[in-house]
Amino acid sequence: MGKKLDGSYDPFHWKSSSLTAFDVELSDDMYILQPKVAEAYLAGKSAPSTDFVLQPPQVPTAGTSGLPQSTATSVPVPNTAGASRVRWHGDVPPQKWMNFYTKVLSKFATQSGLKIALDVEIAPDGGVSSQKLDEIKVALRELGLSDDVSLD
């Protein structure tokens, strides 16, 4: 389940027979709650008083006894506040830009504070025809963006 800013969970599945393996998403912003936490949340429809994230068990590494220090399968660790700002710079292959939007940006698209700056370079073999250049400019204007492109 995903945790919203107000502390509620969406989606929230508890003892649901309609949940299938295709409905399960494993990601950093989805949570599996312990039964007592889920029951408390369901009873009060509010977030539990203490926020915990389950961490996977530690795998023994070279130089250790090979025995885990705890027999628990997960260790509750308090979730920290995070950061006031996140920045990322890198190249996204054209085949993955939709995935980048879906997995990274869409979670913040409806909130204020998301800025996206693009540096697009189109340099196919043989260059860009005048017709394609005009299509690019028209598409930019239709999106309400500046059609000022630099040409080499």
Protein backbone atom coordinates (compact mmCIF):
# COMPACT_ATOMS: atom_id res chain seq x y z
CA MET A 1 0.00 0.00 0.00
CA GLY A 2 1.17 3.51 -0.69
CA LYS A 3 1.31 6.07 2.08
CA LYS A 4 -0.18 9.49 1.29
CA LEU A 5 0.97 12.79 2.78
CA ASP A 6 -1.96 12.83 5.22
CA GLY A 7 -0.82 9.50 6.70
CA SER A 8 -3.52 7.39 5.07
CA TYR A 9 -2.76 4.40 2.86
CA ASP A 10 -3.94 4.05 -0.72
CA PRO A 11 -4.56 1.42 -1.85
CA PHE A 12 -5.30 -0.42 1.40
CA HIS A 13 -5.94 -4.17 1.09
CA TRP A 14 -6.70 -6.19 4.20
CA LYS A 15 -8.17 -9.70 4.11
CA SER A 16 -9.33 -8.99 0.56
CA SER A 17 -10.12 -11.97 -1.66
CA SER A 18 -10.08 -9.76 -4.77
CA LEU A 19 -6.34 -9.00 -4.50
CA THR A 20 -4.31 -10.88 -7.11
CA ALA A 21 -0.58 -11.18 -7.74
CA PHE A 22 -0.99 -8.65 -10.56
CA ASP A 23 -2.22 -6.06 -8.04
CA VAL A 24 0.94 -6.29 -5.93
CA GLU A 25 3.60 -3.62 -6.56
CA LEU A 26 7.03 -3.86 -5.00
CA SER A 27 8.61 -0.42 -4.76
CA ASP A 28 10.11 2.02 -2.28
CA ASP A 29 6.81 3.85 -1.79
CA MET A 30 4.63 0.79 -1.18
CA TYR A 31 4.34 -0.83 2.26
CA ILE A 32 3.45 -4.18 3.75
CA LEU A 33 2.10 -3.63 7.23
CA GLN A 34 2.23 -5.98 10.17
CA PRO A 35 -1.24 -7.37 11.00
CA LYS A 36 -1.54 -5.44 14.27
CA VAL A 37 -0.68 -2.16 12.52
CA ALA A 38 -3.17 -2.86 9.70
CA GLU A 39 -5.92 -3.70 12.21
CA ALA A 40 -5.21 -0.55 14.22
CA TYR A 41 -5.26 1.53 11.04
CA LEU A 42 -8.51 -0.05 9.89
CA ALA A 43 -10.14 0.42 13.31
CA GLY A 44 -9.21 4.09 13.51
CA LYS A 45 -8.83 4.87 9.81
CA SER A 46 -5.76 6.84 10.77
CA ALA A 47 -2.07 6.26 10.47
CA PRO A 48 -0.41 4.34 13.28
CA SER A 49 1.24 6.52 15.90
CA THR A 50 4.72 5.22 15.08
CA ASP A 51 5.85 4.98 11.47
CA PHE A 52 7.92 1.90 10.74
CA VAL A 53 9.42 0.55 7.53
CA LEU A 54 10.29 -3.13 7.35
CA GLN A 55 13.85 -3.80 6.27
CA PRO A 56 14.94 -7.14 4.78
CA PRO A 57 17.01 -9.42 7.00
CA GLN A 58 20.78 -8.97 6.97
CA VAL A 59 22.68 -11.45 4.82
CA PRO A 60 25.92 -12.73 6.39
CA THR A 61 29.01 -11.35 4.69
CA ALA A 62 32.56 -12.66 4.43
CA GLY A 63 34.43 -12.47 7.73
CA THR A 64 31.33 -12.89 9.91
CA SER A 65 30.25 -15.99 11.78
CA GLY A 66 27.68 -16.69 9.08
CA LEU A 67 24.88 -16.61 11.64
CA PRO A 68 22.38 -13.79 11.63
CA GLN A 69 22.33 -11.76 14.83
CA SER A 70 18.55 -11.96 15.03
CA THR A 71 16.06 -14.65 14.15
CA ALA A 72 13.47 -12.07 13.04
CA THR A 73 12.76 -11.92 9.32
CA SER A 74 12.54 -8.14 9.38
CA VAL A 75 13.70 -5.34 11.60
CA PRO A 76 11.43 -2.32 12.17
CA VAL A 77 13.36 0.88 11.53
CA PRO A 78 11.87 4.32 12.14
CA ASN A 79 11.17 6.13 8.87
CA THR A 80 12.98 9.47 8.73
CA ALA A 81 11.53 12.70 7.36
CA GLY A 82 13.51 12.46 4.11
CA ALA A 83 14.66 15.59 2.33
CA SER A 84 13.25 19.04 1.56
CA ARG A 85 14.52 18.91 -2.03
CA VAL A 86 15.55 16.18 -4.44
CA ARG A 87 17.52 16.85 -7.61
CA TRP A 88 18.65 14.42 -10.28
CA HIS A 89 20.70 14.90 -13.42
CA GLY A 90 21.28 12.19 -15.98
CA ASP A 91 20.46 10.86 -19.40
CA VAL A 92 17.20 8.99 -19.97
CA PRO A 93 17.11 6.84 -23.11
CA PRO A 94 14.17 7.72 -25.39
CA GLN A 95 12.72 4.24 -24.86
CA LYS A 96 12.50 4.84 -21.09
CA TRP A 97 11.24 8.41 -20.75
CA MET A 98 7.62 7.29 -20.21
CA ASN A 99 8.79 4.87 -17.50
CA PHE A 100 10.83 7.69 -15.95
CA TYR A 101 7.76 9.89 -15.85
CA THR A 102 5.53 7.13 -14.48
CA LYS A 103 7.91 5.80 -11.82
CA VAL A 104 9.62 9.02 -10.73
CA LEU A 105 7.74 12.19 -11.69
CA SER A 106 4.05 11.25 -11.69
CA LYS A 107 3.98 10.98 -7.88
CA PHE A 108 4.70 14.72 -7.73
CA ALA A 109 2.91 15.95 -10.88
CA THR A 110 -0.20 17.09 -9.00
CA GLN A 111 1.72 18.84 -6.24
CA SER A 112 3.46 22.19 -6.36
CA GLY A 113 7.23 22.30 -6.43
CA LEU A 114 7.97 20.01 -9.38
CA LYS A 115 10.16 21.68 -12.01
CA ILE A 116 11.31 19.87 -15.13
CA ALA A 117 14.07 21.34 -17.27
CA LEU A 118 14.92 19.51 -20.47
CA ASP A 119 17.92 19.70 -22.72
CA VAL A 120 16.88 17.93 -25.91
CA GLU A 121 19.31 17.23 -28.73
CA ILE A 122 18.05 15.69 -31.96
CA ALA A 123 20.89 14.73 -34.31
CA PRO A 124 19.91 11.81 -36.56
CA ASP A 125 22.14 10.60 -39.38
CA GLY A 126 21.35 12.80 -42.38
CA GLY A 127 20.15 15.69 -40.19
CA VAL A 128 16.65 17.05 -39.57
CA SER A 129 14.61 18.09 -42.61
CA SER A 130 12.92 21.49 -42.82
CA GLN A 131 9.54 19.74 -42.69
CA LYS A 132 10.44 17.93 -39.44
CA LEU A 133 11.80 21.20 -38.02
CA ASP A 134 8.48 22.92 -38.79
CA GLU A 135 6.57 19.99 -37.18
CA ILE A 136 8.69 20.34 -34.03
CA LYS A 137 7.96 24.07 -33.82
CA VAL A 138 4.22 23.58 -34.36
CA ALA A 139 4.12 20.84 -31.69
CA LEU A 140 5.98 23.06 -29.21
CA ARG A 141 3.54 25.92 -29.82
CA GLU A 142 0.55 23.56 -29.42
CA LEU A 143 1.95 22.57 -26.02
CA GLY A 144 2.20 26.23 -25.05
CA LEU A 145 6.01 26.14 -25.12
CA SER A 146 8.49 28.38 -26.86
CA ASP A 147 9.31 27.30 -30.41
CA ASP A 148 12.74 28.90 -30.22
CA VAL A 149 15.10 26.08 -31.21
CA SER A 150 18.78 26.38 -31.96
CA LEU A 151 20.08 24.92 -35.20
CA ASP A 152 23.54 23.70 -36.14
